[in-house]
Amino acid sequence: MPLLLVDLRGLAVQVEPAEALQLVESYPEVAKGLRVKTAVVCADKNADAVRFYEMITQNRGYPTEVFTDVEPALSWLRG
């Protein structure tokens, strides 16, 4: 399974839950059935919205976890 680390800590704007939902709803068309194990690292200010994203992706079968530090994210990806 492909691995992906997404680092959003430098994101200057706050992520809105509706944006997270819209992103995940685009996956079937974009991913074409590909499953990618994804670790998302975010700043505390975006943690709630990104955790909503995590819940949506997991409910749709995409292996995703959210972290606020890179090292635990890398460890989870490798595990």
N, C-alpha and C. Protein backbone atom coordinates (compact mmCIF):
# COMPACT_ATOMS: atom_id res chain seq x y z
N MET A 1 0.85 -1.18 0.00
CA MET A 1 0.00 0.00 0.00
C MET A 1 0.89 1.24 0.00
N PRO A 2 0.61 2.19 -0.87
CA PRO A 2 1.38 3.44 -0.88
C PRO A 2 1.20 4.22 0.43
N LEU A 3 2.25 4.95 0.80
CA LEU A 3 2.24 5.76 2.02
C LEU A 3 2.31 7.23 1.65
N LEU A 4 1.62 8.07 2.44
CA LEU A 4 1.60 9.51 2.17
C LEU A 4 1.65 10.27 3.49
N LEU A 5 2.58 11.21 3.60
CA LEU A 5 2.66 12.12 4.74
C LEU A 5 2.27 13.50 4.25
N VAL A 6 1.21 14.08 4.84
CA VAL A 6 0.74 15.41 4.48
C VAL A 6 1.02 16.33 5.66
N ASP A 7 1.85 17.34 5.45
CA ASP A 7 2.23 18.27 6.52
C ASP A 7 1.49 19.60 6.31
N LEU A 8 0.50 19.83 7.15
CA LEU A 8 -0.30 21.06 7.06
C LEU A 8 0.04 22.07 8.15
N ARG A 9 1.14 21.87 8.85
CA ARG A 9 1.48 22.77 9.97
C ARG A 9 1.70 24.20 9.53
N GLY A 10 2.13 24.43 8.31
CA GLY A 10 2.38 25.78 7.82
C GLY A 10 1.17 26.43 7.18
N LEU A 11 0.03 25.75 7.20
CA LEU A 11 -1.18 26.28 6.59
C LEU A 11 -1.59 27.56 7.32
N ALA A 12 -1.74 28.64 6.56
CA ALA A 12 -2.02 29.94 7.16
C ALA A 12 -3.49 30.15 7.49
N VAL A 13 -4.36 29.38 6.89
CA VAL A 13 -5.80 29.54 7.13
C VAL A 13 -6.31 28.36 7.94
N GLN A 14 -7.46 28.55 8.54
CA GLN A 14 -8.08 27.46 9.29
C GLN A 14 -8.93 26.63 8.33
N VAL A 15 -8.82 25.32 8.45
CA VAL A 15 -9.58 24.40 7.62
C VAL A 15 -11.00 24.32 8.16
N GLU A 16 -11.97 24.42 7.26
CA GLU A 16 -13.37 24.31 7.64
C GLU A 16 -13.84 22.87 7.43
N PRO A 17 -14.69 22.35 8.31
CA PRO A 17 -15.19 20.97 8.14
C PRO A 17 -15.83 20.72 6.77
N ALA A 18 -16.55 21.69 6.25
CA ALA A 18 -17.19 21.52 4.93
C ALA A 18 -16.14 21.31 3.84
N GLU A 19 -15.00 21.97 3.96
CA GLU A 19 -13.92 21.79 2.99
C GLU A 19 -13.34 20.38 3.09
N ALA A 20 -13.21 19.88 4.31
CA ALA A 20 -12.70 18.52 4.51
C ALA A 20 -13.65 17.51 3.88
N LEU A 21 -14.94 17.70 4.09
CA LEU A 21 -15.94 16.80 3.51
C LEU A 21 -15.89 16.84 1.98
N GLN A 22 -15.79 18.02 1.42
CA GLN A 22 -15.73 18.16 -0.04
C GLN A 22 -14.50 17.45 -0.61
N LEU A 23 -13.38 17.56 0.09
CA LEU A 23 -12.15 16.89 -0.36
C LEU A 23 -12.34 15.38 -0.39
N VAL A 24 -12.86 14.82 0.68
CA VAL A 24 -13.04 13.37 0.75
C VAL A 24 -14.06 12.89 -0.28
N GLU A 25 -15.08 13.67 -0.53
CA GLU A 25 -16.08 13.27 -1.52
C GLU A 25 -15.50 13.20 -2.93
N SER A 26 -14.37 13.87 -3.17
CA SER A 26 -13.73 13.82 -4.49
C SER A 26 -12.85 12.58 -4.66
N TYR A 27 -12.55 11.87 -3.59
CA TYR A 27 -11.62 10.75 -3.66
C TYR A 27 -12.01 9.64 -4.64
N PRO A 28 -13.28 9.18 -4.65
CA PRO A 28 -13.59 8.08 -5.59
C PRO A 28 -13.24 8.41 -7.04
N GLU A 29 -13.48 9.63 -7.46
CA GLU A 29 -13.18 10.02 -8.84
C GLU A 29 -11.68 10.19 -9.04
N VAL A 30 -11.00 10.77 -8.08
CA VAL A 30 -9.57 11.06 -8.20
C VAL A 30 -8.72 9.80 -7.98
N ALA A 31 -9.03 9.04 -6.95
CA ALA A 31 -8.19 7.90 -6.55
C ALA A 31 -8.40 6.68 -7.42
N LYS A 32 -9.56 6.56 -8.07
CA LYS A 32 -9.85 5.42 -8.95
C LYS A 32 -9.61 4.08 -8.25
N GLY A 33 -10.03 3.97 -6.97
CA GLY A 33 -9.91 2.71 -6.24
C GLY A 33 -8.60 2.52 -5.49
N LEU A 34 -7.65 3.40 -5.67
CA LEU A 34 -6.36 3.28 -4.99
C LEU A 34 -6.53 3.62 -3.51
N ARG A 35 -5.98 2.81 -2.64
CA ARG A 35 -5.98 3.08 -1.20
C ARG A 35 -4.57 3.50 -0.81
N VAL A 36 -4.47 4.62 -0.13
CA VAL A 36 -3.19 5.16 0.31
C VAL A 36 -3.25 5.34 1.82
N LYS A 37 -2.27 4.81 2.53
CA LYS A 37 -2.17 5.02 3.98
C LYS A 37 -1.64 6.43 4.19
N THR A 38 -2.46 7.28 4.81
CA THR A 38 -2.15 8.70 4.90
C THR A 38 -2.04 9.18 6.34
N ALA A 39 -0.92 9.81 6.65
CA ALA A 39 -0.73 10.47 7.95
C ALA A 39 -0.75 11.97 7.69
N VAL A 40 -1.61 12.67 8.42
CA VAL A 40 -1.74 14.12 8.27
C VAL A 40 -1.21 14.78 9.53
N VAL A 41 -0.25 15.69 9.35
CA VAL A 41 0.30 16.44 10.48
C VAL A 41 -0.24 17.86 10.39
N CYS A 42 -0.85 18.33 11.47
CA CYS A 42 -1.46 19.65 11.43
C CYS A 42 -1.14 20.44 12.69
N ALA A 43 -1.35 21.75 12.59
CA ALA A 43 -1.21 22.62 13.75
C ALA A 43 -2.43 22.45 14.65
N ASP A 44 -2.26 22.76 15.92
CA ASP A 44 -3.37 22.62 16.87
C ASP A 44 -4.60 23.40 16.44
N LYS A 45 -4.43 24.56 15.79
CA LYS A 45 -5.58 25.39 15.40
C LYS A 45 -6.48 24.69 14.38
N ASN A 46 -5.93 23.74 13.64
CA ASN A 46 -6.71 23.01 12.63
C ASN A 46 -7.08 21.60 13.07
N ALA A 47 -6.73 21.23 14.29
CA ALA A 47 -6.89 19.85 14.73
C ALA A 47 -8.34 19.37 14.66
N ASP A 48 -9.31 20.20 15.05
CA ASP A 48 -10.70 19.76 15.05
C ASP A 48 -11.19 19.44 13.64
N ALA A 49 -10.95 20.34 12.71
CA ALA A 49 -11.39 20.12 11.33
C ALA A 49 -10.66 18.95 10.70
N VAL A 50 -9.38 18.82 10.99
CA VAL A 50 -8.61 17.73 10.39
C VAL A 50 -9.00 16.40 11.02
N ARG A 51 -9.38 16.39 12.28
CA ARG A 51 -9.89 15.16 12.89
C ARG A 51 -11.25 14.78 12.29
N PHE A 52 -12.04 15.77 11.92
CA PHE A 52 -13.28 15.50 11.20
C PHE A 52 -12.95 14.83 9.86
N TYR A 53 -11.94 15.33 9.17
CA TYR A 53 -11.45 14.74 7.92
C TYR A 53 -11.03 13.29 8.17
N GLU A 54 -10.31 13.07 9.26
CA GLU A 54 -9.86 11.73 9.61
C GLU A 54 -11.06 10.78 9.77
N MET A 55 -12.08 11.22 10.48
CA MET A 55 -13.26 10.41 10.70
C MET A 55 -13.97 10.08 9.38
N ILE A 56 -14.11 11.07 8.52
CA ILE A 56 -14.77 10.86 7.23
C ILE A 56 -13.99 9.86 6.39
N THR A 57 -12.67 10.04 6.30
CA THR A 57 -11.88 9.13 5.48
C THR A 57 -11.91 7.71 6.02
N GLN A 58 -11.81 7.57 7.33
CA GLN A 58 -11.85 6.23 7.92
C GLN A 58 -13.20 5.57 7.67
N ASN A 59 -14.29 6.34 7.79
CA ASN A 59 -15.63 5.78 7.54
C ASN A 59 -15.81 5.33 6.10
N ARG A 60 -15.02 5.89 5.19
CA ARG A 60 -15.11 5.51 3.78
C ARG A 60 -14.04 4.49 3.39
N GLY A 61 -13.30 3.99 4.39
CA GLY A 61 -12.33 2.93 4.15
C GLY A 61 -10.93 3.38 3.79
N TYR A 62 -10.63 4.66 3.95
CA TYR A 62 -9.28 5.15 3.67
C TYR A 62 -8.48 5.18 4.98
N PRO A 63 -7.35 4.47 5.02
CA PRO A 63 -6.56 4.44 6.25
C PRO A 63 -5.86 5.78 6.48
N THR A 64 -6.37 6.54 7.44
CA THR A 64 -5.89 7.90 7.69
C THR A 64 -5.80 8.13 9.20
N GLU A 65 -4.74 8.79 9.61
CA GLU A 65 -4.58 9.21 11.01
C GLU A 65 -4.07 10.64 11.03
N VAL A 66 -4.44 11.37 12.07
CA VAL A 66 -4.02 12.76 12.23
C VAL A 66 -3.08 12.89 13.42
N PHE A 67 -2.04 13.70 13.24
CA PHE A 67 -1.02 13.91 14.27
C PHE A 67 -0.68 15.40 14.34
N THR A 68 -0.07 15.81 15.45
CA THR A 68 0.43 17.18 15.56
C THR A 68 1.95 17.21 15.53
N ASP A 69 2.59 16.04 15.46
CA ASP A 69 4.05 15.94 15.35
C ASP A 69 4.41 14.95 14.24
N VAL A 70 5.51 15.20 13.56
CA VAL A 70 5.92 14.37 12.44
C VAL A 70 6.38 12.98 12.86
N GLU A 71 7.15 12.87 13.91
CA GLU A 71 7.72 11.57 14.29
C GLU A 71 6.67 10.50 14.54
N PRO A 72 5.63 10.78 15.34
CA PRO A 72 4.59 9.75 15.51
C PRO A 72 3.89 9.43 14.18
N ALA A 73 3.74 10.40 13.32
CA ALA A 73 3.12 10.17 12.02
C ALA A 73 3.96 9.20 11.19
N LEU A 74 5.25 9.44 11.15
CA LEU A 74 6.15 8.55 10.41
C LEU A 74 6.15 7.15 11.00
N SER A 75 6.15 7.07 12.31
CA SER A 75 6.12 5.77 12.98
C SER A 75 4.85 5.00 12.62
N TRP A 76 3.71 5.69 12.60
CA TRP A 76 2.45 5.04 12.25
C TRP A 76 2.47 4.57 10.79
N LEU A 77 3.01 5.39 9.91
CA LEU A 77 3.08 5.00 8.49
C LEU A 77 3.92 3.74 8.31
N ARG A 78 5.02 3.65 9.04
CA ARG A 78 5.93 2.52 8.89
C ARG A 78 5.43 1.27 9.59
N GLY A 79 4.48 1.44 10.51
CA GLY A 79 3.98 0.31 11.32
C GLY A 79 3.00 -0.57 10.63
